[in-house]
Amino acid sequence: MEFQQAATRLNSLRRELKEMSLADIDKLSDNIAKIRAELEEEKMIEAAKEEERKAVIAAALEQLKASGLSKEEIESVISGRSTGEAKPKQVRGPVAPKYKVIDNEGNEHTWTGRGKTPLIFQQIKESEGDLEAYLIK
């Protein structure tokens, strides 16, 4: 930052250059010119890449318009799905049971606490109010 401040302020630059030889000042000037040319070339390359990108996008849009494809068909291709196909469901792994109850006949019933409540657990909820007594510890 110190160099930038000295280099961009005329009086500061003059003060710094007075301590240098003319040969060093010429070398510094040549180096700055080379760096400036490199930076200009980089900017021109970036501008050319951006123009090429815009041209490719414009050509692609023209092809899409000419193809007669609907917006939905194009979006489905971009998203990786074929037309009319629903989004893939996320598959969940098995879940450990959260509740366990043994009925009057000695049958064990378990429930994860997800999805539709099994009938036996609905009946327990109605009669006892909650299922805390049946939590698997």
C-alpha atoms as a PDB file:
ATOM      1  CA  MET A   1       0.000   0.000   0.000  1.00  0.00           C
ATOM      2  CA  GLU A   2       2.884   2.346   0.779  1.00  0.00           C
ATOM      3  CA  PHE A   3       4.261   1.884  -2.749  1.00  0.00           C
ATOM      4  CA  GLN A   4       0.876   2.585  -4.306  1.00  0.00           C
ATOM      5  CA  GLN A   5       0.488   5.805  -2.328  1.00  0.00           C
ATOM      6  CA  ALA A   6       3.970   6.977  -3.283  1.00  0.00           C
ATOM      7  CA  ALA A   7       3.548   5.972  -6.929  1.00  0.00           C
ATOM      8  CA  THR A   8       0.190   7.696  -7.427  1.00  0.00           C
ATOM      9  CA  ARG A   9       1.058  11.006  -5.776  1.00  0.00           C
ATOM     10  CA  LEU A  10       3.305  13.189  -7.909  1.00  0.00           C
ATOM     11  CA  ASN A  11       5.254  14.845  -5.080  1.00  0.00           C
ATOM     12  CA  SER A  12       5.762  11.530  -3.261  1.00  0.00           C
ATOM     13  CA  LEU A  13       6.902   9.884  -6.494  1.00  0.00           C
ATOM     14  CA  ARG A  14       9.256  12.750  -7.244  1.00  0.00           C
ATOM     15  CA  ARG A  15      10.775  12.439  -3.744  1.00  0.00           C
ATOM     16  CA  GLU A  16      11.333   8.665  -4.192  1.00  0.00           C
ATOM     17  CA  LEU A  17      12.775   8.980  -7.709  1.00  0.00           C
ATOM     18  CA  LYS A  18      15.320  11.647  -6.676  1.00  0.00           C
ATOM     19  CA  GLU A  19      17.115   8.954  -4.693  1.00  0.00           C
ATOM     20  CA  MET A  20      17.368   6.660  -7.770  1.00  0.00           C
ATOM     21  CA  SER A  21      19.805   6.769 -10.681  1.00  0.00           C
ATOM     22  CA  LEU A  22      18.513   7.639 -14.156  1.00  0.00           C
ATOM     23  CA  ALA A  23      19.297   4.080 -15.303  1.00  0.00           C
ATOM     24  CA  ASP A  24      17.155   2.662 -12.481  1.00  0.00           C
ATOM     25  CA  ILE A  25      14.348   5.087 -13.319  1.00  0.00           C
ATOM     26  CA  ASP A  26      14.485   3.948 -16.981  1.00  0.00           C
ATOM     27  CA  LYS A  27      14.394   0.301 -15.908  1.00  0.00           C
ATOM     28  CA  LEU A  28      11.432   1.015 -13.603  1.00  0.00           C
ATOM     29  CA  SER A  29       9.652   2.801 -16.431  1.00  0.00           C
ATOM     30  CA  ASP A  30      10.249  -0.148 -18.796  1.00  0.00           C
ATOM     31  CA  ASN A  31       8.973  -2.619 -16.189  1.00  0.00           C
ATOM     32  CA  ILE A  32       5.832  -0.556 -15.597  1.00  0.00           C
ATOM     33  CA  ALA A  33       5.223  -0.397 -19.364  1.00  0.00           C
ATOM     34  CA  LYS A  34       5.607  -4.189 -19.658  1.00  0.00           C
ATOM     35  CA  ILE A  35       3.234  -4.818 -16.756  1.00  0.00           C
ATOM     36  CA  ARG A  36       0.718  -2.358 -18.213  1.00  0.00           C
ATOM     37  CA  ALA A  37       0.850  -4.145 -21.580  1.00  0.00           C
ATOM     38  CA  GLU A  38       0.310  -7.514 -19.854  1.00  0.00           C
ATOM     39  CA  LEU A  39      -2.673  -6.164 -17.913  1.00  0.00           C
ATOM     40  CA  GLU A  40      -4.198  -4.655 -21.058  1.00  0.00           C
ATOM     41  CA  GLU A  41      -3.757  -7.965 -22.890  1.00  0.00           C
ATOM     42  CA  GLU A  42      -5.397  -9.869 -20.017  1.00  0.00           C
ATOM     43  CA  LYS A  43      -8.355  -7.475 -20.077  1.00  0.00           C
ATOM     44  CA  MET A  44      -8.686  -7.858 -23.852  1.00  0.00           C
ATOM     45  CA  ILE A  45      -8.627 -11.664 -23.524  1.00  0.00           C
ATOM     46  CA  GLU A  46     -11.311 -11.543 -20.806  1.00  0.00           C
ATOM     47  CA  ALA A  47     -13.445  -9.212 -22.927  1.00  0.00           C
ATOM     48  CA  ALA A  48     -13.087 -11.539 -25.934  1.00  0.00           C
ATOM     49  CA  LYS A  49     -14.070 -14.547 -23.803  1.00  0.00           C
ATOM     50  CA  GLU A  50     -17.149 -12.695 -22.547  1.00  0.00           C
ATOM     51  CA  GLU A  51     -18.139 -11.724 -26.097  1.00  0.00           C
ATOM     52  CA  GLU A  52     -17.709 -15.338 -27.234  1.00  0.00           C
ATOM     53  CA  ARG A  53     -19.820 -16.517 -24.288  1.00  0.00           C
ATOM     54  CA  LYS A  54     -22.570 -14.050 -25.188  1.00  0.00           C
ATOM     55  CA  ALA A  55     -22.458 -15.194 -28.828  1.00  0.00           C
ATOM     56  CA  VAL A  56     -22.766 -18.853 -27.801  1.00  0.00           C
ATOM     57  CA  ILE A  57     -25.738 -18.030 -25.556  1.00  0.00           C
ATOM     58  CA  ALA A  58     -27.422 -16.036 -28.330  1.00  0.00           C
ATOM     59  CA  ALA A  59     -26.905 -18.882 -30.828  1.00  0.00           C
ATOM     60  CA  ALA A  60     -28.269 -21.424 -28.348  1.00  0.00           C
ATOM     61  CA  LEU A  61     -31.336 -19.273 -27.717  1.00  0.00           C
ATOM     62  CA  GLU A  62     -31.963 -18.961 -31.451  1.00  0.00           C
ATOM     63  CA  GLN A  63     -31.717 -22.742 -31.862  1.00  0.00           C
ATOM     64  CA  LEU A  64     -34.099 -23.298 -28.967  1.00  0.00           C
ATOM     65  CA  LYS A  65     -36.613 -20.837 -30.425  1.00  0.00           C
ATOM     66  CA  ALA A  66     -36.355 -22.495 -33.838  1.00  0.00           C
ATOM     67  CA  SER A  67     -36.779 -25.988 -32.368  1.00  0.00           C
ATOM     68  CA  GLY A  68     -40.319 -25.347 -31.176  1.00  0.00           C
ATOM     69  CA  LEU A  69     -39.618 -26.880 -27.773  1.00  0.00           C
ATOM     70  CA  SER A  70     -41.760 -25.666 -24.892  1.00  0.00           C
ATOM     71  CA  LYS A  71     -40.298 -23.940 -21.857  1.00  0.00           C
ATOM     72  CA  GLU A  72     -41.177 -26.977 -19.719  1.00  0.00           C
ATOM     73  CA  GLU A  73     -39.365 -29.364 -22.074  1.00  0.00           C
ATOM     74  CA  ILE A  74     -36.243 -27.206 -22.011  1.00  0.00           C
ATOM     75  CA  GLU A  75     -36.335 -26.904 -18.222  1.00  0.00           C
ATOM     76  CA  SER A  76     -36.751 -30.668 -17.841  1.00  0.00           C
ATOM     77  CA  VAL A  77     -33.703 -31.302 -20.017  1.00  0.00           C
ATOM     78  CA  ILE A  78     -31.652 -28.783 -18.069  1.00  0.00           C
ATOM     79  CA  SER A  79     -32.718 -30.275 -14.725  1.00  0.00           C
ATOM     80  CA  GLY A  80     -31.921 -33.805 -15.933  1.00  0.00           C
ATOM     81  CA  ARG A  81     -35.484 -35.153 -15.943  1.00  0.00           C
ATOM     82  CA  SER A  82     -37.495 -36.289 -18.901  1.00  0.00           C
ATOM     83  CA  THR A  83     -40.825 -34.602 -19.601  1.00  0.00           C
ATOM     84  CA  GLY A  84     -43.680 -35.553 -17.316  1.00  0.00           C
ATOM     85  CA  GLU A  85     -41.360 -37.249 -14.885  1.00  0.00           C
ATOM     86  CA  ALA A  86     -41.737 -36.219 -11.257  1.00  0.00           C
ATOM     87  CA  LYS A  87     -38.815 -35.067  -9.174  1.00  0.00           C
ATOM     88  CA  PRO A  88     -36.996 -38.060  -7.735  1.00  0.00           C
ATOM     89  CA  LYS A  89     -38.000 -38.753  -4.156  1.00  0.00           C
ATOM     90  CA  GLN A  90     -35.361 -38.670  -1.528  1.00  0.00           C
ATOM     91  CA  VAL A  91     -35.043 -42.154  -0.101  1.00  0.00           C
ATOM     92  CA  ARG A  92     -34.682 -42.231   3.641  1.00  0.00           C
ATOM     93  CA  GLY A  93     -33.002 -45.037   5.446  1.00  0.00           C
ATOM     94  CA  PRO A  94     -34.785 -47.193   8.017  1.00  0.00           C
ATOM     95  CA  VAL A  95     -35.641 -45.514  11.316  1.00  0.00           C
ATOM     96  CA  ALA A  96     -35.443 -47.246  14.677  1.00  0.00           C
ATOM     97  CA  PRO A  97     -38.780 -47.699  16.464  1.00  0.00           C
ATOM     98  CA  LYS A  98     -39.597 -45.056  19.044  1.00  0.00           C
ATOM     99  CA  TYR A  99     -42.621 -46.687  20.720  1.00  0.00           C
ATOM    100  CA  LYS A 100     -43.356 -50.286  21.726  1.00  0.00           C
ATOM    101  CA  VAL A 101     -46.507 -51.854  23.123  1.00  0.00           C
ATOM    102  CA  ILE A 102     -47.540 -55.447  23.769  1.00  0.00           C
ATOM    103  CA  ASP A 103     -51.243 -56.090  23.176  1.00  0.00           C
ATOM    104  CA  ASN A 104     -53.566 -58.414  25.170  1.00  0.00           C
ATOM    105  CA  GLU A 105     -52.651 -61.347  22.944  1.00  0.00           C
ATOM    106  CA  GLY A 106     -48.902 -60.930  23.588  1.00  0.00           C
ATOM    107  CA  ASN A 107     -48.102 -59.433  20.188  1.00  0.00           C
ATOM    108  CA  GLU A 108     -45.429 -56.746  20.142  1.00  0.00           C
ATOM    109  CA  HIS A 109     -46.212 -53.570  18.147  1.00  0.00           C
ATOM    110  CA  THR A 110     -43.588 -50.928  17.390  1.00  0.00           C
ATOM    111  CA  TRP A 111     -43.843 -47.529  15.747  1.00  0.00           C
ATOM    112  CA  THR A 112     -41.183 -45.018  14.721  1.00  0.00           C
ATOM    113  CA  GLY A 113     -43.393 -42.039  15.476  1.00  0.00           C
ATOM    114  CA  ARG A 114     -43.441 -41.155  11.773  1.00  0.00           C
ATOM    115  CA  GLY A 115     -46.130 -41.613   9.205  1.00  0.00           C
ATOM    116  CA  LYS A 116     -49.672 -42.716   9.889  1.00  0.00           C
ATOM    117  CA  THR A 117     -50.270 -43.691  13.511  1.00  0.00           C
ATOM    118  CA  PRO A 118     -51.063 -47.423  13.835  1.00  0.00           C
ATOM    119  CA  LEU A 119     -54.519 -48.228  15.243  1.00  0.00           C
ATOM    120  CA  ILE A 120     -53.232 -49.624  18.535  1.00  0.00           C
ATOM    121  CA  PHE A 121     -51.252 -46.430  19.220  1.00  0.00           C
ATOM    122  CA  GLN A 122     -54.280 -44.290  18.258  1.00  0.00           C
ATOM    123  CA  GLN A 123     -56.346 -46.177  20.822  1.00  0.00           C
ATOM    124  CA  ILE A 124     -53.674 -45.668  23.492  1.00  0.00           C
ATOM    125  CA  LYS A 125     -53.537 -41.930  22.707  1.00  0.00           C
ATOM    126  CA  GLU A 126     -57.322 -41.677  23.035  1.00  0.00           C
ATOM    127  CA  SER A 127     -57.447 -43.559  26.333  1.00  0.00           C
ATOM    128  CA  GLU A 128     -54.235 -42.385  28.034  1.00  0.00           C
ATOM    129  CA  GLY A 129     -53.581 -39.032  26.333  1.00  0.00           C
ATOM    130  CA  ASP A 130     -49.960 -39.610  25.320  1.00  0.00           C
ATOM    131  CA  LEU A 131     -47.488 -42.349  24.479  1.00  0.00           C
ATOM    132  CA  GLU A 132     -44.675 -41.461  26.889  1.00  0.00           C
ATOM    133  CA  ALA A 133     -45.137 -44.654  28.874  1.00  0.00           C
ATOM    134  CA  TYR A 134     -44.459 -46.653  25.711  1.00  0.00           C
ATOM    135  CA  LEU A 135     -41.237 -44.874  24.654  1.00  0.00           C
ATOM    136  CA  ILE A 136     -38.386 -47.285  23.967  1.00  0.00           C
ATOM    137  CA  LYS A 137     -35.515 -46.314  26.190  1.00  0.00           C
END
